[in-house]
Amino acid sequence: MLLCSDMVLCFSSALCNENDFPISDKSIDMNGFLVLINTDGLGQIARAEEGRTFKFNDEYPAQSSVDHLANGTKLIIGAKAADGWRFVKWTLNGEDFSSESLLHYTIKENADFRAVFEYVE
């Protein structure tokens, strides 16, 4: 994904043009931060800005989230293991971050969260 010169996030690594696949055609505030939330293993994630409803969607479980958020945004981020799996930890920008499945985090930089799950035999 790229932020192209016309302020559009694109999936293509080529120069952005009308043939790319933009996520949004709206301008993005360049003062904010890119927040990625993904899973490693089988489970789901949920996220909400503080003050909004936080819940997991068991009918349509999310395994990734991409957001552009303002500096200081307060997030609640959660991970829930699928049957036969268990939550192990969160990593943040490739480093171990927390063994708690529910996080409260204030955005202050680009963040790449990963919920790590392991198979239970």
Protein backbone atom coordinates (compact mmCIF):
# COMPACT_ATOMS: atom_id res chain seq x y z
CA MET A 1 0.00 0.00 0.00
CA LEU A 2 1.24 3.46 -0.86
CA LEU A 3 0.22 7.00 -0.14
CA CYS A 4 0.38 8.45 -3.63
CA SER A 5 1.13 12.04 -4.57
CA ASP A 6 -2.59 12.74 -5.00
CA MET A 7 -3.17 11.75 -1.33
CA VAL A 8 -4.71 8.35 -2.12
CA LEU A 9 -3.72 5.05 -0.51
CA CYS A 10 -3.03 2.50 -3.24
CA PHE A 11 -2.27 -1.21 -3.37
CA SER A 12 0.13 -0.81 -6.30
CA SER A 13 3.86 -0.20 -5.86
CA ALA A 14 3.92 1.52 -9.26
CA LEU A 15 3.29 5.23 -9.57
CA CYS A 16 -0.30 5.94 -8.64
CA ASN A 17 -2.66 6.66 -11.50
CA GLU A 18 -6.21 5.90 -12.53
CA ASN A 19 -5.33 2.20 -12.94
CA ASP A 20 -4.38 1.71 -9.27
CA PHE A 21 -6.79 0.40 -6.67
CA PRO A 22 -7.28 3.15 -4.10
CA ILE A 23 -8.61 2.35 -0.64
CA SER A 24 -10.06 5.83 -0.39
CA ASP A 25 -10.46 8.74 -2.75
CA LYS A 26 -10.54 11.23 0.11
CA SER A 27 -7.60 13.34 1.19
CA ILE A 28 -5.70 12.17 4.26
CA ASP A 29 -4.47 14.45 7.02
CA MET A 30 -0.69 14.06 6.78
CA ASN A 31 -0.34 14.93 10.49
CA GLY A 32 -1.81 11.57 11.53
CA PHE A 33 -0.32 8.10 11.69
CA LEU A 34 -0.84 4.80 9.89
CA VAL A 35 -2.08 2.08 12.26
CA LEU A 36 -2.00 -1.54 11.08
CA ILE A 37 -3.51 -4.39 13.10
CA ASN A 38 -3.00 -7.97 11.88
CA THR A 39 -3.03 -11.54 13.12
CA ASP A 40 -0.46 -14.33 13.10
CA GLY A 41 -2.31 -17.62 13.59
CA LEU A 42 -6.05 -18.16 13.83
CA GLY A 43 -8.04 -15.57 15.71
CA GLN A 44 -9.75 -12.25 15.30
CA ILE A 45 -9.16 -8.65 16.23
CA ALA A 46 -11.43 -5.78 17.16
CA ARG A 47 -10.68 -2.10 17.59
CA ALA A 48 -12.54 1.01 18.57
CA GLU A 49 -11.65 4.56 19.38
CA GLU A 50 -12.15 5.33 23.06
CA GLY A 51 -15.76 6.28 23.73
CA ARG A 52 -17.11 4.11 20.91
CA THR A 53 -18.54 0.60 21.10
CA PHE A 54 -15.89 -2.12 21.25
CA LYS A 55 -16.97 -5.64 20.30
CA PHE A 56 -15.88 -8.69 18.38
CA ASN A 57 -17.95 -9.73 15.36
CA ASP A 58 -18.19 -13.52 15.50
CA GLU A 59 -20.29 -13.65 12.32
CA TYR A 60 -17.67 -11.75 10.27
CA PRO A 61 -14.41 -11.94 12.26
CA ALA A 62 -11.77 -9.36 11.34
CA GLN A 63 -8.16 -10.43 10.93
CA SER A 64 -6.75 -7.09 9.86
CA SER A 65 -7.38 -3.38 10.11
CA VAL A 66 -5.75 -0.38 8.43
CA ASP A 67 -6.44 3.11 9.75
CA HIS A 68 -5.01 6.59 9.47
CA LEU A 69 -5.53 8.22 12.88
CA ALA A 70 -4.75 11.57 14.41
CA ASN A 71 -1.96 11.98 16.93
CA GLY A 72 -3.35 11.36 20.42
CA THR A 73 -6.23 9.12 19.32
CA LYS A 74 -6.99 6.62 22.10
CA LEU A 75 -7.68 3.08 20.88
CA ILE A 76 -9.00 -0.07 22.45
CA ILE A 77 -7.58 -3.09 20.61
CA GLY A 78 -8.52 -6.67 21.36
CA ALA A 79 -7.63 -10.17 20.20
CA LYS A 80 -9.73 -13.32 20.52
CA ALA A 81 -8.47 -16.81 19.63
CA ALA A 82 -10.40 -19.17 17.37
CA ASP A 83 -11.43 -22.61 18.62
CA GLY A 84 -8.32 -24.76 19.08
CA TRP A 85 -6.02 -21.73 19.32
CA ARG A 86 -4.87 -19.46 22.15
CA PHE A 87 -3.76 -15.85 22.27
CA VAL A 88 -0.03 -15.53 23.04
CA LYS A 89 0.93 -11.86 22.75
CA TRP A 90 0.79 -8.59 20.90
CA THR A 91 3.80 -7.28 19.04
CA LEU A 92 4.21 -3.61 18.15
CA ASN A 93 6.50 -2.70 15.25
CA GLY A 94 8.04 -6.19 15.39
CA GLU A 95 8.84 -6.16 19.12
CA ASP A 96 7.03 -8.01 21.93
CA PHE A 97 4.55 -5.56 23.45
CA SER A 98 1.99 -7.22 25.74
CA SER A 99 0.62 -10.59 26.81
CA GLU A 100 -2.78 -9.03 27.60
CA SER A 101 -5.38 -9.64 24.90
CA LEU A 102 -7.03 -6.23 25.48
CA LEU A 103 -4.95 -3.07 24.98
CA HIS A 104 -5.54 0.62 25.58
CA TYR A 105 -3.12 2.59 23.42
CA THR A 106 -2.65 6.25 22.55
CA ILE A 107 -1.46 6.83 18.98
CA LYS A 108 1.78 8.82 18.88
CA GLU A 109 3.54 7.28 15.86
CA ASN A 110 2.95 4.84 13.01
CA ALA A 111 2.03 1.52 14.62
CA ASP A 112 2.06 -2.05 13.32
CA PHE A 113 0.27 -4.29 15.83
CA ARG A 114 0.19 -8.07 15.44
CA ALA A 115 -1.92 -10.44 17.53
CA VAL A 116 -0.02 -13.72 17.83
CA PHE A 117 -1.97 -16.95 18.32
CA GLU A 118 -0.72 -20.50 18.65
CA TYR A 119 -2.39 -23.82 17.95
CA VAL A 120 -3.38 -25.84 21.01
CA GLU A 121 -3.09 -29.59 20.51
